[in-house]
Amino acid sequence: MIPITTHPRTLAGVIVSVKMNKTVVVEVERQVKHPVYGKYLRRHKRYLAHDETGKHQMGDKVQIKETRPLSRRKSFIII
């Protein structure tokens, strides 16, 4: 059974692209422990986030919050 959450997810990451209009690409990094060797590995994922003002630049650390779908791949906004 899939748990239903009522609160939106909040993630922290770094902006890696600002080439689109009102949209930025945020890369979120997490650490995962290897099941056999126990070493921690870095995994990352990129999310499209809405940036209404366009004031954010590449390399900025931002927090993004899940929201209703704004386009096909964009479901996060910058907070």
PDB file of N, CA and C in Angstrom:
ATOM      1  N   MET A   1       0.843  -1.185   0.000  1.00  0.00           N
ATOM      2  CA  MET A   1       0.000   0.000   0.000  1.00  0.00           C
ATOM      3  C   MET A   1       0.884   1.242   0.000  1.00  0.00           C
ATOM      4  N   ILE A   2       0.542   2.217  -0.809  1.00  0.00           N
ATOM      5  CA  ILE A   2       1.298   3.454  -0.911  1.00  0.00           C
ATOM      6  C   ILE A   2       0.754   4.450   0.107  1.00  0.00           C
ATOM      7  N   PRO A   3       1.635   4.989   0.971  1.00  0.00           N
ATOM      8  CA  PRO A   3       1.142   5.973   1.939  1.00  0.00           C
ATOM      9  C   PRO A   3       0.787   7.284   1.250  1.00  0.00           C
ATOM     10  N   ILE A   4      -0.295   7.890   1.686  1.00  0.00           N
ATOM     11  CA  ILE A   4      -0.736   9.166   1.137  1.00  0.00           C
ATOM     12  C   ILE A   4      -0.268  10.265   2.073  1.00  0.00           C
ATOM     13  N   THR A   5       0.537  11.192   1.547  1.00  0.00           N
ATOM     14  CA  THR A   5       1.036  12.291   2.359  1.00  0.00           C
ATOM     15  C   THR A   5       0.216  13.538   2.068  1.00  0.00           C
ATOM     16  N   THR A   6      -0.042  14.316   3.102  1.00  0.00           N
ATOM     17  CA  THR A   6      -0.818  15.529   2.931  1.00  0.00           C
ATOM     18  C   THR A   6       0.070  16.758   2.820  1.00  0.00           C
ATOM     19  N   HIS A   7       1.328  16.649   3.211  1.00  0.00           N
ATOM     20  CA  HIS A   7       2.214  17.802   3.154  1.00  0.00           C
ATOM     21  C   HIS A   7       3.127  17.691   1.930  1.00  0.00           C
ATOM     22  N   PRO A   8       3.472  18.817   1.292  1.00  0.00           N
ATOM     23  CA  PRO A   8       4.344  18.760   0.123  1.00  0.00           C
ATOM     24  C   PRO A   8       5.794  18.493   0.513  1.00  0.00           C
ATOM     25  N   ARG A   9       6.512  17.800  -0.373  1.00  0.00           N
ATOM     26  CA  ARG A   9       7.925  17.533  -0.135  1.00  0.00           C
ATOM     27  C   ARG A   9       8.722  18.817  -0.273  1.00  0.00           C
ATOM     28  N   THR A  10       9.757  18.951   0.545  1.00  0.00           N
ATOM     29  CA  THR A  10      10.689  20.065   0.444  1.00  0.00           C
ATOM     30  C   THR A  10      12.082  19.480   0.271  1.00  0.00           C
ATOM     31  N   LEU A  11      12.789  19.942  -0.760  1.00  0.00           N
ATOM     32  CA  LEU A  11      14.116  19.445  -1.065  1.00  0.00           C
ATOM     33  C   LEU A  11      15.083  20.617  -1.174  1.00  0.00           C
ATOM     34  N   ALA A  12      16.368  20.359  -0.897  1.00  0.00           N
ATOM     35  CA  ALA A  12      17.404  21.382  -1.018  1.00  0.00           C
ATOM     36  C   ALA A  12      18.384  20.956  -2.096  1.00  0.00           C
ATOM     37  N   GLY A  13      18.793  21.913  -2.925  1.00  0.00           N
ATOM     38  CA  GLY A  13      19.721  21.584  -3.986  1.00  0.00           C
ATOM     39  C   GLY A  13      20.396  22.816  -4.552  1.00  0.00           C
ATOM     40  N   VAL A  14      21.119  22.612  -5.652  1.00  0.00           N
ATOM     41  CA  VAL A  14      21.889  23.668  -6.298  1.00  0.00           C
ATOM     42  C   VAL A  14      21.357  23.863  -7.717  1.00  0.00           C
ATOM     43  N   ILE A  15      21.232  25.119  -8.129  1.00  0.00           N
ATOM     44  CA  ILE A  15      20.771  25.418  -9.480  1.00  0.00           C
ATOM     45  C   ILE A  15      21.901  25.129 -10.465  1.00  0.00           C
ATOM     46  N   VAL A  16      21.605  24.304 -11.479  1.00  0.00           N
ATOM     47  CA  VAL A  16      22.621  23.944 -12.466  1.00  0.00           C
ATOM     48  C   VAL A  16      22.320  24.502 -13.850  1.00  0.00           C
ATOM     49  N   SER A  17      21.120  25.043 -14.077  1.00  0.00           N
ATOM     50  CA  SER A  17      20.794  25.634 -15.374  1.00  0.00           C
ATOM     51  C   SER A  17      19.706  26.687 -15.203  1.00  0.00           C
ATOM     52  N   VAL A  18      19.884  27.817 -15.904  1.00  0.00           N
ATOM     53  CA  VAL A  18      18.883  28.897 -15.888  1.00  0.00           C
ATOM     54  C   VAL A  18      18.539  29.321 -17.311  1.00  0.00           C
ATOM     55  N   LYS A  19      18.622  28.409 -18.266  1.00  0.00           N
ATOM     56  CA  LYS A  19      18.464  28.748 -19.677  1.00  0.00           C
ATOM     57  C   LYS A  19      17.017  28.875 -20.128  1.00  0.00           C
ATOM     58  N   MET A  20      16.067  28.389 -19.324  1.00  0.00           N
ATOM     59  CA  MET A  20      14.665  28.464 -19.728  1.00  0.00           C
ATOM     60  C   MET A  20      13.991  29.688 -19.121  1.00  0.00           C
ATOM     61  N   ASN A  21      12.857  30.065 -19.697  1.00  0.00           N
ATOM     62  CA  ASN A  21      12.103  31.210 -19.227  1.00  0.00           C
ATOM     63  C   ASN A  21      11.260  30.803 -18.017  1.00  0.00           C
ATOM     64  N   LYS A  22      11.501  31.428 -16.857  1.00  0.00           N
ATOM     65  CA  LYS A  22      10.781  31.182 -15.600  1.00  0.00           C
ATOM     66  C   LYS A  22      10.949  29.749 -15.080  1.00  0.00           C
ATOM     67  N   THR A  23      11.983  29.061 -15.523  1.00  0.00           N
ATOM     68  CA  THR A  23      12.237  27.697 -15.068  1.00  0.00           C
ATOM     69  C   THR A  23      13.725  27.526 -14.816  1.00  0.00           C
ATOM     70  N   VAL A  24      14.060  26.855 -13.716  1.00  0.00           N
ATOM     71  CA  VAL A  24      15.456  26.519 -13.427  1.00  0.00           C
ATOM     72  C   VAL A  24      15.559  25.018 -13.194  1.00  0.00           C
ATOM     73  N   VAL A  25      16.759  24.486 -13.376  1.00  0.00           N
ATOM     74  CA  VAL A  25      17.019  23.081 -13.111  1.00  0.00           C
ATOM     75  C   VAL A  25      17.785  23.012 -11.791  1.00  0.00           C
ATOM     76  N   VAL A  26      17.232  22.265 -10.826  1.00  0.00           N
ATOM     77  CA  VAL A  26      17.838  22.133  -9.504  1.00  0.00           C
ATOM     78  C   VAL A  26      18.300  20.697  -9.339  1.00  0.00           C
ATOM     79  N   GLU A  27      19.580  20.527  -8.980  1.00  0.00           N
ATOM     80  CA  GLU A  27      20.134  19.195  -8.754  1.00  0.00           C
ATOM     81  C   GLU A  27      20.158  18.929  -7.253  1.00  0.00           C
ATOM     82  N   VAL A  28      19.470  17.852  -6.852  1.00  0.00           N
ATOM     83  CA  VAL A  28      19.377  17.474  -5.445  1.00  0.00           C
ATOM     84  C   VAL A  28      20.260  16.246  -5.236  1.00  0.00           C
ATOM     85  N   GLU A  29      21.152  16.328  -4.259  1.00  0.00           N
ATOM     86  CA  GLU A  29      22.074  15.231  -3.991  1.00  0.00           C
ATOM     87  C   GLU A  29      21.696  14.549  -2.687  1.00  0.00           C
ATOM     88  N   ARG A  30      21.831  13.216  -2.665  1.00  0.00           N
ATOM     89  CA  ARG A  30      21.562  12.447  -1.453  1.00  0.00           C
ATOM     90  C   ARG A  30      22.625  11.376  -1.324  1.00  0.00           C
ATOM     91  N   GLN A  31      22.763  10.836  -0.115  1.00  0.00           N
ATOM     92  CA  GLN A  31      23.736   9.782   0.129  1.00  0.00           C
ATOM     93  C   GLN A  31      23.006   8.487   0.437  1.00  0.00           C
ATOM     94  N   VAL A  32      23.479   7.409  -0.197  1.00  0.00           N
ATOM     95  CA  VAL A  32      22.869   6.094  -0.049  1.00  0.00           C
ATOM     96  C   VAL A  32      23.945   5.131   0.409  1.00  0.00           C
ATOM     97  N   LYS A  33      23.626   4.301   1.374  1.00  0.00           N
ATOM     98  CA  LYS A  33      24.584   3.316   1.866  1.00  0.00           C
ATOM     99  C   LYS A  33      24.527   2.068   0.991  1.00  0.00           C
ATOM    100  N   HIS A  34      25.698   1.595   0.559  1.00  0.00           N
ATOM    101  CA  HIS A  34      25.768   0.396  -0.257  1.00  0.00           C
ATOM    102  C   HIS A  34      25.323  -0.796   0.580  1.00  0.00           C
ATOM    103  N   PRO A  35      24.441  -1.669   0.039  1.00  0.00           N
ATOM    104  CA  PRO A  35      23.883  -2.753   0.858  1.00  0.00           C
ATOM    105  C   PRO A  35      24.905  -3.793   1.319  1.00  0.00           C
ATOM    106  N   VAL A  36      25.968  -4.020   0.557  1.00  0.00           N
ATOM    107  CA  VAL A  36      26.953  -5.040   0.928  1.00  0.00           C
ATOM    108  C   VAL A  36      28.178  -4.435   1.598  1.00  0.00           C
ATOM    109  N   TYR A  37      28.760  -3.400   0.981  1.00  0.00           N
ATOM    110  CA  TYR A  37      30.037  -2.872   1.445  1.00  0.00           C
ATOM    111  C   TYR A  37      29.913  -1.770   2.491  1.00  0.00           C
ATOM    112  N   GLY A  38      28.746  -1.168   2.617  1.00  0.00           N
ATOM    113  CA  GLY A  38      28.544  -0.166   3.661  1.00  0.00           C
ATOM    114  C   GLY A  38      29.063   1.219   3.317  1.00  0.00           C
ATOM    115  N   LYS A  39      29.690   1.367   2.159  1.00  0.00           N
ATOM    116  CA  LYS A  39      30.205   2.670   1.770  1.00  0.00           C
ATOM    117  C   LYS A  39      29.043   3.570   1.345  1.00  0.00           C
ATOM    118  N   TYR A  40      29.154   4.849   1.683  1.00  0.00           N
ATOM    119  CA  TYR A  40      28.117   5.800   1.297  1.00  0.00           C
ATOM    120  C   TYR A  40      28.404   6.331  -0.104  1.00  0.00           C
ATOM    121  N   LEU A  41      27.406   6.268  -0.973  1.00  0.00           N
ATOM    122  CA  LEU A  41      27.516   6.708  -2.349  1.00  0.00           C
ATOM    123  C   LEU A  41      26.669   7.945  -2.559  1.00  0.00           C
ATOM    124  N   ARG A  42      27.135   8.845  -3.424  1.00  0.00           N
ATOM    125  CA  ARG A  42      26.379  10.053  -3.733  1.00  0.00           C
ATOM    126  C   ARG A  42      25.508   9.804  -4.952  1.00  0.00           C
ATOM    127  N   ARG A  43      24.240  10.087  -4.810  1.00  0.00           N
ATOM    128  CA  ARG A  43      23.287   9.982  -5.910  1.00  0.00           C
ATOM    129  C   ARG A  43      22.646  11.353  -6.083  1.00  0.00           C
ATOM    130  N   HIS A  44      22.349  11.718  -7.328  1.00  0.00           N
ATOM    131  CA  HIS A  44      21.717  13.013  -7.563  1.00  0.00           C
ATOM    132  C   HIS A  44      20.580  12.868  -8.567  1.00  0.00           C
ATOM    133  N   LYS A  45      19.668  13.823  -8.485  1.00  0.00           N
ATOM    134  CA  LYS A  45      18.527  13.866  -9.385  1.00  0.00           C
ATOM    135  C   LYS A  45      18.247  15.329  -9.710  1.00  0.00           C
ATOM    136  N   ARG A  46      17.813  15.573 -10.945  1.00  0.00           N
ATOM    137  CA  ARG A  46      17.514  16.939 -11.368  1.00  0.00           C
ATOM    138  C   ARG A  46      16.005  17.154 -11.441  1.00  0.00           C
ATOM    139  N   TYR A  47      15.575  18.298 -10.918  1.00  0.00           N
ATOM    140  CA  TYR A  47      14.161  18.668 -10.924  1.00  0.00           C
ATOM    141  C   TYR A  47      14.008  20.008 -11.627  1.00  0.00           C
ATOM    142  N   LEU A  48      12.932  20.162 -12.382  1.00  0.00           N
ATOM    143  CA  LEU A  48      12.590  21.466 -12.937  1.00  0.00           C
ATOM    144  C   LEU A  48      11.756  22.211 -11.904  1.00  0.00           C
ATOM    145  N   ALA A  49      12.108  23.460 -11.659  1.00  0.00           N
ATOM    146  CA  ALA A  49      11.401  24.259 -10.650  1.00  0.00           C
ATOM    147  C   ALA A  49      11.010  25.604 -11.253  1.00  0.00           C
ATOM    148  N   HIS A  50       9.868  26.111 -10.818  1.00  0.00           N
ATOM    149  CA  HIS A  50       9.348  27.385 -11.306  1.00  0.00           C
ATOM    150  C   HIS A  50      10.031  28.540 -10.582  1.00  0.00           C
ATOM    151  N   ASP A  51      10.516  29.513 -11.347  1.00  0.00           N
ATOM    152  CA  ASP A  51      11.161  30.716 -10.808  1.00  0.00           C
ATOM    153  C   ASP A  51      10.479  31.920 -11.448  1.00  0.00           C
ATOM    154  N   GLU A  52       9.452  32.439 -10.800  1.00  0.00           N
ATOM    155  CA  GLU A  52       8.631  33.510 -11.370  1.00  0.00           C
ATOM    156  C   GLU A  52       9.431  34.781 -11.635  1.00  0.00           C
ATOM    157  N   THR A  53      10.296  35.166 -10.704  1.00  0.00           N
ATOM    158  CA  THR A  53      11.015  36.430 -10.831  1.00  0.00           C
ATOM    159  C   THR A  53      12.246  36.331 -11.717  1.00  0.00           C
ATOM    160  N   GLY A  54      12.862  35.174 -11.800  1.00  0.00           N
ATOM    161  CA  GLY A  54      14.060  35.003 -12.610  1.00  0.00           C
ATOM    162  C   GLY A  54      15.302  35.586 -11.976  1.00  0.00           C
ATOM    163  N   LYS A  55      15.300  35.794 -10.657  1.00  0.00           N
ATOM    164  CA  LYS A  55      16.435  36.423  -9.991  1.00  0.00           C
ATOM    165  C   LYS A  55      17.524  35.428  -9.583  1.00  0.00           C
ATOM    166  N   HIS A  56      17.255  34.143  -9.655  1.00  0.00           N
ATOM    167  CA  HIS A  56      18.232  33.147  -9.222  1.00  0.00           C
ATOM    168  C   HIS A  56      19.252  32.875 -10.322  1.00  0.00           C
ATOM    169  N   GLN A  57      20.488  32.596  -9.906  1.00  0.00           N
ATOM    170  CA  GLN A  57      21.594  32.361 -10.825  1.00  0.00           C
ATOM    171  C   GLN A  57      22.136  30.945 -10.661  1.00  0.00           C
ATOM    172  N   MET A  58      22.961  30.506 -11.615  1.00  0.00           N
ATOM    173  CA  MET A  58      23.601  29.198 -11.512  1.00  0.00           C
ATOM    174  C   MET A  58      24.486  29.154 -10.269  1.00  0.00           C
ATOM    175  N   GLY A  59      24.451  28.020  -9.572  1.00  0.00           N
ATOM    176  CA  GLY A  59      25.282  27.841  -8.384  1.00  0.00           C
ATOM    177  C   GLY A  59      24.598  28.236  -7.093  1.00  0.00           C
ATOM    178  N   ASP A  60      23.431  28.882  -7.163  1.00  0.00           N
ATOM    179  CA  ASP A  60      22.705  29.263  -5.945  1.00  0.00           C
ATOM    180  C   ASP A  60      22.149  28.028  -5.261  1.00  0.00           C
ATOM    181  N   LYS A  61      22.236  28.013  -3.929  1.00  0.00           N
ATOM    182  CA  LYS A  61      21.611  26.944  -3.154  1.00  0.00           C
ATOM    183  C   LYS A  61      20.183  27.373  -2.845  1.00  0.00           C
ATOM    184  N   VAL A  62      19.224  26.526  -3.193  1.00  0.00           N
ATOM    185  CA  VAL A  62      17.817  26.871  -3.026  1.00  0.00           C
ATOM    186  C   VAL A  62      17.060  25.699  -2.418  1.00  0.00           C
ATOM    187  N   GLN A  63      15.865  26.006  -1.921  1.00  0.00           N
ATOM    188  CA  GLN A  63      14.941  24.972  -1.471  1.00  0.00           C
ATOM    189  C   GLN A  63      13.751  24.988  -2.414  1.00  0.00           C
ATOM    190  N   ILE A  64      13.288  23.790  -2.776  1.00  0.00           N
ATOM    191  CA  ILE A  64      12.137  23.685  -3.658  1.00  0.00           C
ATOM    192  C   ILE A  64      11.027  22.931  -2.946  1.00  0.00           C
ATOM    193  N   LYS A  65       9.795  23.287  -3.276  1.00  0.00           N
ATOM    194  CA  LYS A  65       8.626  22.685  -2.642  1.00  0.00           C
ATOM    195  C   LYS A  65       7.715  22.113  -3.712  1.00  0.00           C
ATOM    196  N   GLU A  66       7.178  20.935  -3.455  1.00  0.00           N
ATOM    197  CA  GLU A  66       6.284  20.281  -4.388  1.00  0.00           C
ATOM    198  C   GLU A  66       4.958  21.029  -4.450  1.00  0.00           C
ATOM    199  N   THR A  67       4.401  21.113  -5.649  1.00  0.00           N
ATOM    200  CA  THR A  67       3.139  21.810  -5.855  1.00  0.00           C
ATOM    201  C   THR A  67       2.360  21.092  -6.962  1.00  0.00           C
ATOM    202  N   ARG A  68       1.255  21.663  -7.374  1.00  0.00           N
ATOM    203  CA  ARG A  68       0.484  21.053  -8.455  1.00  0.00           C
ATOM    204  C   ARG A  68       1.324  21.077  -9.730  1.00  0.00           C
ATOM    205  N   PRO A  69       1.048  20.192 -10.680  1.00  0.00           N
ATOM    206  CA  PRO A  69       1.828  20.203 -11.921  1.00  0.00           C
ATOM    207  C   PRO A  69       1.660  21.529 -12.673  1.00  0.00           C
ATOM    208  N   LEU A  70       2.788  22.160 -12.982  1.00  0.00           N
ATOM    209  CA  LEU A  70       2.776  23.418 -13.719  1.00  0.00           C
ATOM    210  C   LEU A  70       2.998  23.192 -15.214  1.00  0.00           C
ATOM    211  N   SER A  71       3.615  22.096 -15.560  1.00  0.00           N
ATOM    212  CA  SER A  71       3.786  21.676 -16.945  1.00  0.00           C
ATOM    213  C   SER A  71       4.043  20.166 -16.917  1.00  0.00           C
ATOM    214  N   ARG A  72       4.470  19.626 -18.043  1.00  0.00           N
ATOM    215  CA  ARG A  72       4.650  18.179 -18.117  1.00  0.00           C
ATOM    216  C   ARG A  72       5.687  17.656 -17.129  1.00  0.00           C
ATOM    217  N   ARG A  73       6.808  18.370 -16.969  1.00  0.00           N
ATOM    218  CA  ARG A  73       7.876  17.903 -16.076  1.00  0.00           C
ATOM    219  C   ARG A  73       8.080  18.797 -14.858  1.00  0.00           C
ATOM    220  N   LYS A  74       7.349  19.883 -14.738  1.00  0.00           N
ATOM    221  CA  LYS A  74       7.597  20.854 -13.676  1.00  0.00           C
ATOM    222  C   LYS A  74       6.506  20.798 -12.611  1.00  0.00           C
ATOM    223  N   SER A  75       6.887  20.325 -11.394  1.00  0.00           N
ATOM    224  CA  SER A  75       5.957  20.232 -10.280  1.00  0.00           C
ATOM    225  C   SER A  75       6.524  20.788  -8.995  1.00  0.00           C
ATOM    226  N   PHE A  76       7.539  21.656  -9.093  1.00  0.00           N
ATOM    227  CA  PHE A  76       8.169  22.256  -7.924  1.00  0.00           C
ATOM    228  C   PHE A  76       8.274  23.753  -8.119  1.00  0.00           C
ATOM    229  N   ILE A  77       8.275  24.493  -6.987  1.00  0.00           N
ATOM    230  CA  ILE A  77       8.511  25.928  -7.010  1.00  0.00           C
ATOM    231  C   ILE A  77       9.650  26.242  -6.047  1.00  0.00           C
ATOM    232  N   ILE A  78      10.340  27.337  -6.287  1.00  0.00           N
ATOM    233  CA  ILE A  78      11.429  27.756  -5.399  1.00  0.00           C
ATOM    234  C   ILE A  78      10.838  28.521  -4.232  1.00  0.00           C
ATOM    235  N   ILE A  79      11.289  28.172  -3.018  1.00  0.00           N
ATOM    236  CA  ILE A  79      10.835  28.907  -1.832  1.00  0.00           C
ATOM    237  C   ILE A  79      11.996  29.637  -1.184  1.00  0.00           C
TER     238      ILE A  79
END
